[in-house]
Amino acid sequence: MRHVTSFRAIFSFKAGFPVHALALFLFTALAAFSGPTGSAHAADAGGLVNALTSQLGVTKPQAEGGAGALFNLAKQRMAPEQFGQVQSQVPGIDGLMGTASSASSSKGQADSGGLAGMATGALGSVGGGGAAGGLGALAPLAGSFSSLGMSPDMAGKFLPVVMEYLNSSGGGGAAGLLKSALTG
């Protein structure tokens, strides 16, 4: 029993001790050591997400998921060093890509049947020439965009906004690589 008493004596607080300050310190330390989550990474991409929401009228989750889907497709189609150039220009890109992956899998739209299949077919028939040139190459994004509650043709509207963001952040070369991978 004596050990318990000494333990209490060590960890008891005197009147007037700022317990709130200790709680704040512990919370801050815990947050620092727990590492960022996917949504924290997505928050880093605030400039891009804000551009998408303001220019396209989509919600924040739609902007994050749609941009992430674009980047996931680009990563599949690009050499690692090329995608690295794009990655270096977009803070929080990994969080966006994770957001897109989780949104797509949580909605069960990973297969090509049902709505996702119809959306893919619709998007694929849109592209093919003229002013929309290359939009058919974005057809694999239809399922992701549908699972986010957007029409498949929104993929074609996301790309110019993302490229404008890359150009304005000094990533003109990265924007060109991204466009080539996604429309080409």
N, C-alpha and C. Protein backbone atom coordinates (compact mmCIF):
# COMPACT_ATOMS: atom_id res chain seq x y z
N MET A 1 0.81 -1.18 0.00
CA MET A 1 0.00 0.00 0.00
C MET A 1 0.86 1.25 0.00
N ARG A 2 2.03 1.13 0.57
CA ARG A 2 2.92 2.28 0.64
C ARG A 2 3.30 2.77 -0.76
N HIS A 3 3.51 1.85 -1.72
CA HIS A 3 3.90 2.23 -3.08
C HIS A 3 2.78 3.01 -3.77
N VAL A 4 1.57 2.61 -3.52
CA VAL A 4 0.44 3.30 -4.11
C VAL A 4 0.37 4.73 -3.59
N THR A 5 0.61 4.90 -2.31
CA THR A 5 0.58 6.23 -1.73
C THR A 5 1.65 7.11 -2.35
N SER A 6 2.86 6.59 -2.50
CA SER A 6 3.92 7.40 -3.09
C SER A 6 3.63 7.68 -4.57
N PHE A 7 2.99 6.73 -5.26
CA PHE A 7 2.60 6.97 -6.65
C PHE A 7 1.61 8.12 -6.73
N ARG A 8 0.64 8.11 -5.84
CA ARG A 8 -0.35 9.19 -5.81
C ARG A 8 0.32 10.52 -5.48
N ALA A 9 1.27 10.47 -4.60
CA ALA A 9 1.95 11.70 -4.22
C ALA A 9 2.71 12.30 -5.40
N ILE A 10 3.29 11.44 -6.20
CA ILE A 10 4.06 11.92 -7.35
C ILE A 10 3.13 12.53 -8.40
N PHE A 11 2.00 11.88 -8.66
CA PHE A 11 1.14 12.30 -9.75
C PHE A 11 -0.07 13.13 -9.32
N SER A 12 -0.13 13.53 -8.07
CA SER A 12 -1.23 14.40 -7.66
C SER A 12 -0.88 15.84 -8.03
N PHE A 13 -1.90 16.60 -8.30
CA PHE A 13 -1.70 17.98 -8.71
C PHE A 13 -2.06 18.92 -7.57
N LYS A 14 -1.26 19.91 -7.40
CA LYS A 14 -1.51 20.92 -6.37
C LYS A 14 -2.60 21.87 -6.87
N ALA A 15 -3.27 22.50 -5.94
CA ALA A 15 -4.29 23.48 -6.31
C ALA A 15 -3.64 24.59 -7.13
N GLY A 16 -4.28 24.97 -8.19
CA GLY A 16 -3.76 26.04 -9.03
C GLY A 16 -2.90 25.55 -10.18
N PHE A 17 -2.56 24.25 -10.21
CA PHE A 17 -1.76 23.73 -11.32
C PHE A 17 -2.60 23.79 -12.59
N PRO A 18 -2.06 24.29 -13.65
CA PRO A 18 -2.84 24.43 -14.89
C PRO A 18 -3.06 23.08 -15.59
N VAL A 19 -4.07 22.36 -15.14
CA VAL A 19 -4.38 21.04 -15.69
C VAL A 19 -4.73 21.16 -17.17
N HIS A 20 -5.39 22.24 -17.54
CA HIS A 20 -5.75 22.43 -18.94
C HIS A 20 -4.51 22.54 -19.81
N ALA A 21 -3.48 23.19 -19.31
CA ALA A 21 -2.24 23.31 -20.07
C ALA A 21 -1.60 21.95 -20.27
N LEU A 22 -1.64 21.11 -19.24
CA LEU A 22 -1.09 19.76 -19.36
C LEU A 22 -1.89 18.95 -20.38
N ALA A 23 -3.21 19.06 -20.32
CA ALA A 23 -4.06 18.34 -21.27
C ALA A 23 -3.77 18.80 -22.70
N LEU A 24 -3.61 20.09 -22.89
CA LEU A 24 -3.30 20.62 -24.22
C LEU A 24 -1.95 20.11 -24.70
N PHE A 25 -0.97 20.09 -23.81
CA PHE A 25 0.36 19.60 -24.16
C PHE A 25 0.29 18.13 -24.59
N LEU A 26 -0.42 17.31 -23.80
CA LEU A 26 -0.53 15.89 -24.12
C LEU A 26 -1.26 15.67 -25.44
N PHE A 27 -2.32 16.42 -25.68
CA PHE A 27 -3.05 16.31 -26.93
C PHE A 27 -2.17 16.68 -28.12
N THR A 28 -1.41 17.77 -27.99
CA THR A 28 -0.52 18.22 -29.06
C THR A 28 0.56 17.19 -29.33
N ALA A 29 1.12 16.63 -28.27
CA ALA A 29 2.16 15.61 -28.44
C ALA A 29 1.60 14.38 -29.13
N LEU A 30 0.42 13.97 -28.73
CA LEU A 30 -0.21 12.81 -29.34
C LEU A 30 -0.47 13.05 -30.83
N ALA A 31 -0.97 14.22 -31.16
CA ALA A 31 -1.23 14.55 -32.56
C ALA A 31 0.06 14.57 -33.38
N ALA A 32 1.13 15.08 -32.80
CA ALA A 32 2.40 15.16 -33.52
C ALA A 32 2.98 13.78 -33.79
N PHE A 33 2.82 12.87 -32.85
CA PHE A 33 3.42 11.55 -33.01
C PHE A 33 2.53 10.57 -33.74
N SER A 34 1.25 10.86 -33.88
CA SER A 34 0.36 9.92 -34.54
C SER A 34 0.48 10.00 -36.05
N GLY A 35 1.03 11.07 -36.59
CA GLY A 35 1.23 11.19 -38.03
C GLY A 35 -0.03 11.64 -38.72
N PRO A 36 0.12 12.14 -39.95
CA PRO A 36 -1.03 12.64 -40.69
C PRO A 36 -1.90 11.52 -41.22
N THR A 37 -3.17 11.80 -41.34
CA THR A 37 -4.11 10.85 -41.92
C THR A 37 -4.36 11.24 -43.36
N GLY A 38 -5.11 10.41 -44.07
CA GLY A 38 -5.42 10.72 -45.45
C GLY A 38 -6.12 12.05 -45.61
N SER A 39 -7.05 12.36 -44.72
CA SER A 39 -7.76 13.63 -44.84
C SER A 39 -6.84 14.80 -44.53
N ALA A 40 -5.84 14.58 -43.67
CA ALA A 40 -4.87 15.65 -43.41
C ALA A 40 -4.05 15.92 -44.66
N HIS A 41 -3.67 14.84 -45.36
CA HIS A 41 -2.94 15.03 -46.61
C HIS A 41 -3.81 15.73 -47.64
N ALA A 42 -5.07 15.34 -47.71
CA ALA A 42 -5.97 15.97 -48.67
C ALA A 42 -6.13 17.45 -48.35
N ALA A 43 -6.11 17.80 -47.07
CA ALA A 43 -6.23 19.21 -46.69
C ALA A 43 -5.03 20.01 -47.19
N ASP A 44 -3.87 19.37 -47.33
CA ASP A 44 -2.69 20.05 -47.85
C ASP A 44 -2.91 20.52 -49.29
N ALA A 45 -3.78 19.86 -50.01
CA ALA A 45 -4.05 20.20 -51.40
C ALA A 45 -5.18 21.22 -51.49
N GLY A 46 -5.33 22.04 -50.46
CA GLY A 46 -6.43 23.00 -50.39
C GLY A 46 -6.55 23.92 -51.57
N GLY A 47 -5.43 24.37 -52.13
CA GLY A 47 -5.48 25.27 -53.28
C GLY A 47 -6.15 24.62 -54.47
N LEU A 48 -5.77 23.39 -54.75
CA LEU A 48 -6.37 22.66 -55.87
C LEU A 48 -7.84 22.36 -55.59
N VAL A 49 -8.13 21.91 -54.39
CA VAL A 49 -9.51 21.58 -54.03
C VAL A 49 -10.39 22.83 -54.10
N ASN A 50 -9.89 23.96 -53.62
CA ASN A 50 -10.65 25.21 -53.71
C ASN A 50 -10.90 25.61 -55.15
N ALA A 51 -9.90 25.45 -56.01
CA ALA A 51 -10.08 25.78 -57.43
C ALA A 51 -11.17 24.90 -58.05
N LEU A 52 -11.15 23.62 -57.73
CA LEU A 52 -12.16 22.71 -58.30
C LEU A 52 -13.56 23.03 -57.79
N THR A 53 -13.68 23.30 -56.49
CA THR A 53 -15.02 23.59 -55.95
C THR A 53 -15.56 24.90 -56.49
N SER A 54 -14.71 25.92 -56.60
CA SER A 54 -15.21 27.22 -57.06
C SER A 54 -15.47 27.24 -58.56
N GLN A 55 -14.63 26.60 -59.34
CA GLN A 55 -14.80 26.65 -60.80
C GLN A 55 -15.82 25.65 -61.33
N LEU A 56 -15.97 24.52 -60.64
CA LEU A 56 -16.86 23.48 -61.17
C LEU A 56 -18.13 23.29 -60.35
N GLY A 57 -18.20 23.94 -59.19
CA GLY A 57 -19.40 23.83 -58.36
C GLY A 57 -19.59 22.46 -57.73
N VAL A 58 -18.50 21.74 -57.49
CA VAL A 58 -18.58 20.44 -56.85
C VAL A 58 -18.33 20.60 -55.35
N THR A 59 -18.68 19.58 -54.59
CA THR A 59 -18.42 19.62 -53.15
C THR A 59 -16.95 19.32 -52.88
N LYS A 60 -16.52 19.59 -51.67
CA LYS A 60 -15.12 19.30 -51.29
C LYS A 60 -14.80 17.81 -51.44
N PRO A 61 -15.65 16.90 -50.94
CA PRO A 61 -15.34 15.47 -51.13
C PRO A 61 -15.29 15.07 -52.61
N GLN A 62 -16.15 15.68 -53.43
CA GLN A 62 -16.12 15.38 -54.86
C GLN A 62 -14.84 15.90 -55.49
N ALA A 63 -14.41 17.10 -55.09
CA ALA A 63 -13.17 17.67 -55.62
C ALA A 63 -11.97 16.81 -55.23
N GLU A 64 -11.91 16.40 -53.97
CA GLU A 64 -10.80 15.57 -53.50
C GLU A 64 -10.79 14.22 -54.20
N GLY A 65 -11.95 13.58 -54.27
CA GLY A 65 -12.03 12.26 -54.89
C GLY A 65 -11.79 12.30 -56.39
N GLY A 66 -12.34 13.31 -57.06
CA GLY A 66 -12.14 13.43 -58.51
C GLY A 66 -10.70 13.72 -58.87
N ALA A 67 -10.07 14.64 -58.15
CA ALA A 67 -8.65 14.93 -58.40
C ALA A 67 -7.81 13.71 -58.10
N GLY A 68 -8.12 13.03 -57.01
CA GLY A 68 -7.38 11.81 -56.67
C GLY A 68 -7.51 10.74 -57.74
N ALA A 69 -8.71 10.60 -58.30
CA ALA A 69 -8.92 9.62 -59.36
C ALA A 69 -8.09 9.97 -60.59
N LEU A 70 -8.04 11.27 -60.94
CA LEU A 70 -7.19 11.70 -62.06
C LEU A 70 -5.73 11.34 -61.80
N PHE A 71 -5.25 11.63 -60.60
CA PHE A 71 -3.86 11.36 -60.28
C PHE A 71 -3.58 9.86 -60.23
N ASN A 72 -4.53 9.06 -59.74
CA ASN A 72 -4.34 7.60 -59.73
C ASN A 72 -4.20 7.06 -61.14
N LEU A 73 -5.04 7.54 -62.05
CA LEU A 73 -4.95 7.10 -63.44
C LEU A 73 -3.64 7.54 -64.07
N ALA A 74 -3.24 8.77 -63.79
CA ALA A 74 -1.97 9.28 -64.32
C ALA A 74 -0.80 8.44 -63.82
N LYS A 75 -0.83 8.08 -62.55
CA LYS A 75 0.26 7.28 -61.98
C LYS A 75 0.36 5.93 -62.67
N GLN A 76 -0.78 5.35 -63.03
CA GLN A 76 -0.78 4.07 -63.73
C GLN A 76 -0.17 4.20 -65.12
N ARG A 77 -0.34 5.34 -65.75
CA ARG A 77 0.08 5.53 -67.13
C ARG A 77 1.46 6.18 -67.29
N MET A 78 2.03 6.69 -66.22
CA MET A 78 3.29 7.43 -66.32
C MET A 78 4.44 6.63 -65.74
N ALA A 79 5.64 6.92 -66.24
CA ALA A 79 6.85 6.38 -65.64
C ALA A 79 7.00 7.01 -64.25
N PRO A 80 7.58 6.28 -63.30
CA PRO A 80 7.69 6.80 -61.93
C PRO A 80 8.36 8.17 -61.84
N GLU A 81 9.41 8.40 -62.61
CA GLU A 81 10.08 9.71 -62.53
C GLU A 81 9.21 10.83 -63.10
N GLN A 82 8.39 10.52 -64.10
CA GLN A 82 7.47 11.53 -64.63
C GLN A 82 6.39 11.85 -63.61
N PHE A 83 5.82 10.81 -63.01
CA PHE A 83 4.78 11.06 -62.01
C PHE A 83 5.38 11.79 -60.82
N GLY A 84 6.62 11.54 -60.51
CA GLY A 84 7.30 12.24 -59.43
C GLY A 84 7.32 13.74 -59.65
N GLN A 85 7.44 14.17 -60.92
CA GLN A 85 7.40 15.61 -61.22
C GLN A 85 6.02 16.18 -60.91
N VAL A 86 4.98 15.45 -61.26
CA VAL A 86 3.61 15.89 -60.95
C VAL A 86 3.42 15.91 -59.44
N GLN A 87 3.86 14.84 -58.80
CA GLN A 87 3.71 14.69 -57.35
C GLN A 87 4.36 15.83 -56.58
N SER A 88 5.51 16.29 -57.07
CA SER A 88 6.22 17.36 -56.37
C SER A 88 5.51 18.71 -56.47
N GLN A 89 4.59 18.86 -57.41
CA GLN A 89 3.89 20.12 -57.61
C GLN A 89 2.55 20.20 -56.87
N VAL A 90 2.09 19.08 -56.32
CA VAL A 90 0.77 19.07 -55.67
C VAL A 90 0.94 18.62 -54.22
N PRO A 91 0.93 19.57 -53.28
CA PRO A 91 1.00 19.18 -51.87
C PRO A 91 -0.23 18.36 -51.51
N GLY A 92 -0.03 17.27 -50.83
CA GLY A 92 -1.17 16.45 -50.41
C GLY A 92 -1.70 15.50 -51.46
N ILE A 93 -0.95 15.29 -52.53
CA ILE A 93 -1.43 14.43 -53.62
C ILE A 93 -1.70 13.01 -53.14
N ASP A 94 -0.87 12.50 -52.23
CA ASP A 94 -1.08 11.14 -51.73
C ASP A 94 -2.40 11.02 -50.99
N GLY A 95 -2.76 12.04 -50.24
CA GLY A 95 -4.04 12.04 -49.54
C GLY A 95 -5.21 12.07 -50.51
N LEU A 96 -5.08 12.85 -51.59
CA LEU A 96 -6.13 12.89 -52.60
C LEU A 96 -6.29 11.53 -53.26
N MET A 97 -5.17 10.90 -53.57
CA MET A 97 -5.22 9.60 -54.23
C MET A 97 -5.84 8.55 -53.30
N GLY A 98 -5.54 8.64 -52.02
CA GLY A 98 -6.15 7.74 -51.05
C GLY A 98 -7.63 7.98 -50.89
N THR A 99 -8.03 9.25 -50.95
CA THR A 99 -9.44 9.60 -50.87
C THR A 99 -10.21 8.99 -52.03
N ALA A 100 -9.62 9.07 -53.22
CA ALA A 100 -10.28 8.52 -54.41
C ALA A 100 -10.40 7.01 -54.31
N SER A 101 -9.35 6.36 -53.84
CA SER A 101 -9.38 4.90 -53.72
C SER A 101 -10.42 4.44 -52.72
N SER A 102 -10.48 5.11 -51.58
CA SER A 102 -11.44 4.69 -50.55
C SER A 102 -12.87 5.02 -50.97
N ALA A 103 -13.08 6.12 -51.66
CA ALA A 103 -14.43 6.47 -52.11
C ALA A 103 -14.92 5.46 -53.13
N SER A 104 -14.06 5.07 -54.04
CA SER A 104 -14.44 4.13 -55.08
C SER A 104 -14.72 2.76 -54.49
N SER A 105 -13.88 2.29 -53.58
CA SER A 105 -14.07 0.96 -53.02
C SER A 105 -15.24 0.92 -52.04
N SER A 106 -15.50 2.01 -51.33
CA SER A 106 -16.60 2.01 -50.36
C SER A 106 -17.95 2.02 -51.05
N LYS A 107 -18.01 2.52 -52.25
CA LYS A 107 -19.27 2.54 -52.99
C LYS A 107 -19.46 1.25 -53.78
N GLY A 108 -18.43 0.38 -53.83
CA GLY A 108 -18.56 -0.86 -54.57
C GLY A 108 -18.58 -0.67 -56.06
N GLN A 109 -17.93 0.34 -56.55
CA GLN A 109 -17.95 0.63 -57.98
C GLN A 109 -16.69 0.14 -58.68
N ALA A 110 -15.96 -0.76 -58.08
CA ALA A 110 -14.70 -1.20 -58.66
C ALA A 110 -14.92 -2.03 -59.91
N ASP A 111 -16.09 -2.69 -60.03
CA ASP A 111 -16.31 -3.51 -61.21
C ASP A 111 -16.83 -2.66 -62.36
N SER A 112 -16.93 -3.26 -63.53
CA SER A 112 -17.36 -2.49 -64.69
C SER A 112 -18.82 -2.73 -65.01
N GLY A 113 -19.55 -3.38 -64.12
CA GLY A 113 -20.96 -3.62 -64.35
C GLY A 113 -21.81 -2.49 -63.81
N GLY A 114 -23.11 -2.59 -64.02
CA GLY A 114 -24.06 -1.63 -63.46
C GLY A 114 -23.85 -0.21 -63.94
N LEU A 115 -24.07 0.72 -63.03
CA LEU A 115 -23.95 2.14 -63.36
C LEU A 115 -22.55 2.51 -63.84
N ALA A 116 -21.53 1.93 -63.20
CA ALA A 116 -20.16 2.27 -63.59
C ALA A 116 -19.91 1.86 -65.04
N GLY A 117 -20.41 0.71 -65.43
CA GLY A 117 -20.23 0.26 -66.80
C GLY A 117 -20.94 1.17 -67.79
N MET A 118 -22.18 1.57 -67.45
CA MET A 118 -22.91 2.49 -68.32
C MET A 118 -22.20 3.83 -68.41
N ALA A 119 -21.70 4.30 -67.27
CA ALA A 119 -21.00 5.58 -67.26
C ALA A 119 -19.73 5.51 -68.08
N THR A 120 -19.00 4.40 -67.98
CA THR A 120 -17.79 4.24 -68.77
C THR A 120 -18.11 4.27 -70.25
N GLY A 121 -19.18 3.58 -70.63
CA GLY A 121 -19.58 3.58 -72.02
C GLY A 121 -19.98 4.97 -72.49
N ALA A 122 -20.69 5.70 -71.66
CA ALA A 122 -21.10 7.05 -72.02
C ALA A 122 -19.91 7.96 -72.18
N LEU A 123 -18.95 7.87 -71.27
CA LEU A 123 -17.77 8.73 -71.35
C LEU A 123 -16.93 8.35 -72.55
N GLY A 124 -16.80 7.06 -72.81
CA GLY A 124 -16.00 6.62 -73.94
C GLY A 124 -16.59 7.09 -75.26
N SER A 125 -17.92 7.19 -75.35
CA SER A 125 -18.53 7.62 -76.59
C SER A 125 -18.44 9.12 -76.79
N VAL A 126 -18.15 9.87 -75.71
CA VAL A 126 -18.05 11.32 -75.83
C VAL A 126 -16.77 11.70 -76.55
N GLY A 127 -15.68 11.02 -76.22
CA GLY A 127 -14.38 11.39 -76.78
C GLY A 127 -14.23 10.92 -78.20
N GLY A 128 -13.12 11.32 -78.78
CA GLY A 128 -12.83 10.79 -80.09
C GLY A 128 -12.50 11.82 -81.12
N GLY A 129 -12.48 13.06 -80.81
CA GLY A 129 -12.11 14.03 -81.81
C GLY A 129 -12.74 15.37 -81.56
N GLY A 130 -12.48 16.28 -82.45
CA GLY A 130 -13.04 17.61 -82.34
C GLY A 130 -12.55 18.33 -81.11
N ALA A 131 -13.39 19.20 -80.58
CA ALA A 131 -13.01 20.01 -79.43
C ALA A 131 -12.77 19.18 -78.18
N ALA A 132 -13.40 18.03 -78.08
CA ALA A 132 -13.25 17.20 -76.89
C ALA A 132 -12.08 16.24 -77.01
N GLY A 133 -11.28 16.36 -78.05
CA GLY A 133 -10.21 15.42 -78.35
C GLY A 133 -9.54 14.81 -77.15
N GLY A 134 -9.47 13.49 -77.09
CA GLY A 134 -8.79 12.80 -76.03
C GLY A 134 -9.66 12.49 -74.82
N LEU A 135 -10.90 12.93 -74.78
CA LEU A 135 -11.75 12.68 -73.62
C LEU A 135 -12.00 11.20 -73.43
N GLY A 136 -12.01 10.43 -74.50
CA GLY A 136 -12.22 8.99 -74.40
C GLY A 136 -11.16 8.31 -73.56
N ALA A 137 -9.97 8.87 -73.48
CA ALA A 137 -8.89 8.30 -72.67
C ALA A 137 -9.19 8.42 -71.18
N LEU A 138 -10.16 9.24 -70.82
CA LEU A 138 -10.54 9.40 -69.41
C LEU A 138 -11.66 8.44 -69.01
N ALA A 139 -12.09 7.59 -69.93
CA ALA A 139 -13.19 6.66 -69.66
C ALA A 139 -12.99 5.81 -68.40
N PRO A 140 -11.76 5.38 -68.08
CA PRO A 140 -11.59 4.59 -66.85
C PRO A 140 -11.99 5.33 -65.57
N LEU A 141 -12.15 6.63 -65.63
CA LEU A 141 -12.51 7.41 -64.45
C LEU A 141 -14.01 7.43 -64.18
N ALA A 142 -14.79 6.94 -65.12
CA ALA A 142 -16.25 7.03 -65.01
C ALA A 142 -16.79 6.41 -63.73
N GLY A 143 -16.30 5.25 -63.36
CA GLY A 143 -16.78 4.59 -62.14
C GLY A 143 -16.48 5.40 -60.89
N SER A 144 -15.27 5.95 -60.83
CA SER A 144 -14.90 6.76 -59.67
C SER A 144 -15.76 8.01 -59.58
N PHE A 145 -15.97 8.68 -60.71
CA PHE A 145 -16.77 9.90 -60.70
C PHE A 145 -18.23 9.58 -60.37
N SER A 146 -18.74 8.47 -60.88
CA SER A 146 -20.11 8.06 -60.56
C SER A 146 -20.25 7.76 -59.07
N SER A 147 -19.25 7.10 -58.49
CA SER A 147 -19.32 6.76 -57.07
C SER A 147 -19.28 8.01 -56.19
N LEU A 148 -18.76 9.10 -56.75
CA LEU A 148 -18.72 10.38 -56.02
C LEU A 148 -19.96 11.22 -56.27
N GLY A 149 -20.90 10.69 -57.06
CA GLY A 149 -22.14 11.41 -57.33
C GLY A 149 -22.03 12.42 -58.45
N MET A 150 -21.03 12.25 -59.32
CA MET A 150 -20.85 13.17 -60.45
C MET A 150 -21.07 12.42 -61.75
N SER A 151 -21.45 13.16 -62.77
CA SER A 151 -21.59 12.54 -64.08
C SER A 151 -20.20 12.27 -64.65
N PRO A 152 -20.07 11.25 -65.48
CA PRO A 152 -18.77 10.88 -66.03
C PRO A 152 -18.09 12.00 -66.81
N ASP A 153 -18.87 12.88 -67.45
CA ASP A 153 -18.25 13.94 -68.24
C ASP A 153 -17.51 14.97 -67.37
N MET A 154 -17.72 14.92 -66.05
CA MET A 154 -16.99 15.83 -65.16
C MET A 154 -15.49 15.55 -65.18
N ALA A 155 -15.09 14.34 -65.52
CA ALA A 155 -13.65 14.03 -65.60
C ALA A 155 -12.97 14.95 -66.60
N GLY A 156 -13.64 15.19 -67.71
CA GLY A 156 -13.10 16.10 -68.72
C GLY A 156 -13.05 17.54 -68.26
N LYS A 157 -13.90 17.90 -67.30
CA LYS A 157 -13.91 19.26 -66.77
C LYS A 157 -12.87 19.43 -65.66
N PHE A 158 -12.55 18.35 -64.97
CA PHE A 158 -11.54 18.41 -63.91
C PHE A 158 -10.15 18.65 -64.48
N LEU A 159 -9.84 17.98 -65.58
CA LEU A 159 -8.48 18.02 -66.12
C LEU A 159 -7.98 19.44 -66.40
N PRO A 160 -8.74 20.31 -67.09
CA PRO A 160 -8.23 21.67 -67.33
C PRO A 160 -7.98 22.46 -66.05
N VAL A 161 -8.81 22.26 -65.03
CA VAL A 161 -8.63 22.97 -63.76
C VAL A 161 -7.36 22.49 -63.07
N VAL A 162 -7.13 21.18 -63.08
CA VAL A 162 -5.91 20.63 -62.48
C VAL A 162 -4.68 21.13 -63.23
N MET A 163 -4.76 21.17 -64.55
CA MET A 163 -3.62 21.64 -65.34
C MET A 163 -3.36 23.13 -65.09
N GLU A 164 -4.42 23.91 -64.98
CA GLU A 164 -4.27 25.34 -64.68
C GLU A 164 -3.60 25.52 -63.32
N TYR A 165 -4.00 24.69 -62.35
CA TYR A 165 -3.38 24.74 -61.02
C TYR A 165 -1.89 24.42 -61.12
N LEU A 166 -1.54 23.37 -61.86
CA LEU A 166 -0.12 23.01 -62.01
C LEU A 166 0.66 24.13 -62.68
N ASN A 167 0.10 24.71 -63.72
CA ASN A 167 0.78 25.82 -64.41
C ASN A 167 0.99 27.01 -63.49
N SER A 168 -0.02 27.33 -62.68
CA SER A 168 0.08 28.49 -61.80
C SER A 168 1.04 28.26 -60.64
N SER A 169 1.30 26.99 -60.31
CA SER A 169 2.22 26.70 -59.21
C SER A 169 3.63 26.43 -59.72
N GLY A 170 3.88 26.77 -60.97
CA GLY A 170 5.23 26.61 -61.52
C GLY A 170 5.52 25.23 -62.07
N GLY A 171 4.50 24.44 -62.25
CA GLY A 171 4.69 23.08 -62.74
C GLY A 171 4.24 22.90 -64.17
N GLY A 172 4.63 23.82 -65.05
CA GLY A 172 4.22 23.73 -66.45
C GLY A 172 4.64 22.42 -67.10
N GLY A 173 5.85 21.98 -66.81
CA GLY A 173 6.33 20.71 -67.35
C GLY A 173 5.51 19.55 -66.83
N ALA A 174 5.17 19.61 -65.55
CA ALA A 174 4.35 18.56 -64.94
C ALA A 174 2.95 18.56 -65.55
N ALA A 175 2.42 19.74 -65.83
CA ALA A 175 1.09 19.84 -66.45
C ALA A 175 1.09 19.18 -67.82
N GLY A 176 2.15 19.41 -68.58
CA GLY A 176 2.26 18.78 -69.90
C GLY A 176 2.34 17.27 -69.81
N LEU A 177 3.11 16.76 -68.85
CA LEU A 177 3.22 15.32 -68.66
C LEU A 177 1.87 14.72 -68.26
N LEU A 178 1.16 15.42 -67.38
CA LEU A 178 -0.14 14.94 -66.93
C LEU A 178 -1.14 14.90 -68.09
N LYS A 179 -1.16 15.97 -68.86
CA LYS A 179 -2.08 16.02 -70.00
C LYS A 179 -1.78 14.90 -70.99
N SER A 180 -0.51 14.70 -71.27
CA SER A 180 -0.12 13.65 -72.20
C SER A 180 -0.55 12.27 -71.71
N ALA A 181 -0.38 12.02 -70.42
CA ALA A 181 -0.74 10.72 -69.86
C ALA A 181 -2.24 10.50 -69.84
N LEU A 182 -3.01 11.56 -69.62
CA LEU A 182 -4.45 11.39 -69.46
C LEU A 182 -5.26 11.56 -70.73
N THR A 183 -4.70 12.18 -71.73
CA THR A 183 -5.47 12.38 -72.96
C THR A 183 -4.88 11.64 -74.14
N GLY A 184 -3.72 11.11 -73.94
CA GLY A 184 -2.99 10.61 -75.03
C GLY A 184 -3.01 9.29 -75.53
